[in-house]
Amino acid sequence: SSLEGFDEDSQWAPYIRTFADPITPILWPDEQREALLTGSEALTLARDKQESAVAAWQAMQGTIAAAPDKFPPTVFNEAVFLRVLCCVLARSVYLPGAECFALVPVADLARRRCQAPDAAAL
């Protein structure tokens, strides 16, 4: 679940509750990627994104491991980091004026609503 380790009292809890675990080849085992994506550019892209995400985790892992009281290993670990990163990437929008991707809840919710018009009102 995307709420693992998340503070339910946070002002962001209602928005975070709308997140679903991402379905992405970045999180698939390489054998599954190979079986389903061979011959596609998506295979290389998924592998590259996964390697980049693992490298990002490894870059901060030492700092996180040094403070287990602040960063419990059951919540702050590579598997959860990869899943949450993919979730954030799936929900972010590009802001041309700032030339960056960001979580913009109103834009994200409007986009999600347009993608699933039969969804219950949030």
Foldseek 3Di string as FASTA:
>chain_A
DQCVVPDCPDPCNVLSVPFDFDDALLLPDLVVLCVPPPPHPSSVVSPVVNVVQVVVLVVCVVVLVVCCVVRPCVCNDSNNSVRNVVRQVVQWDADVVVRDTDRDSVVSVVVVCVVPVVDDDD
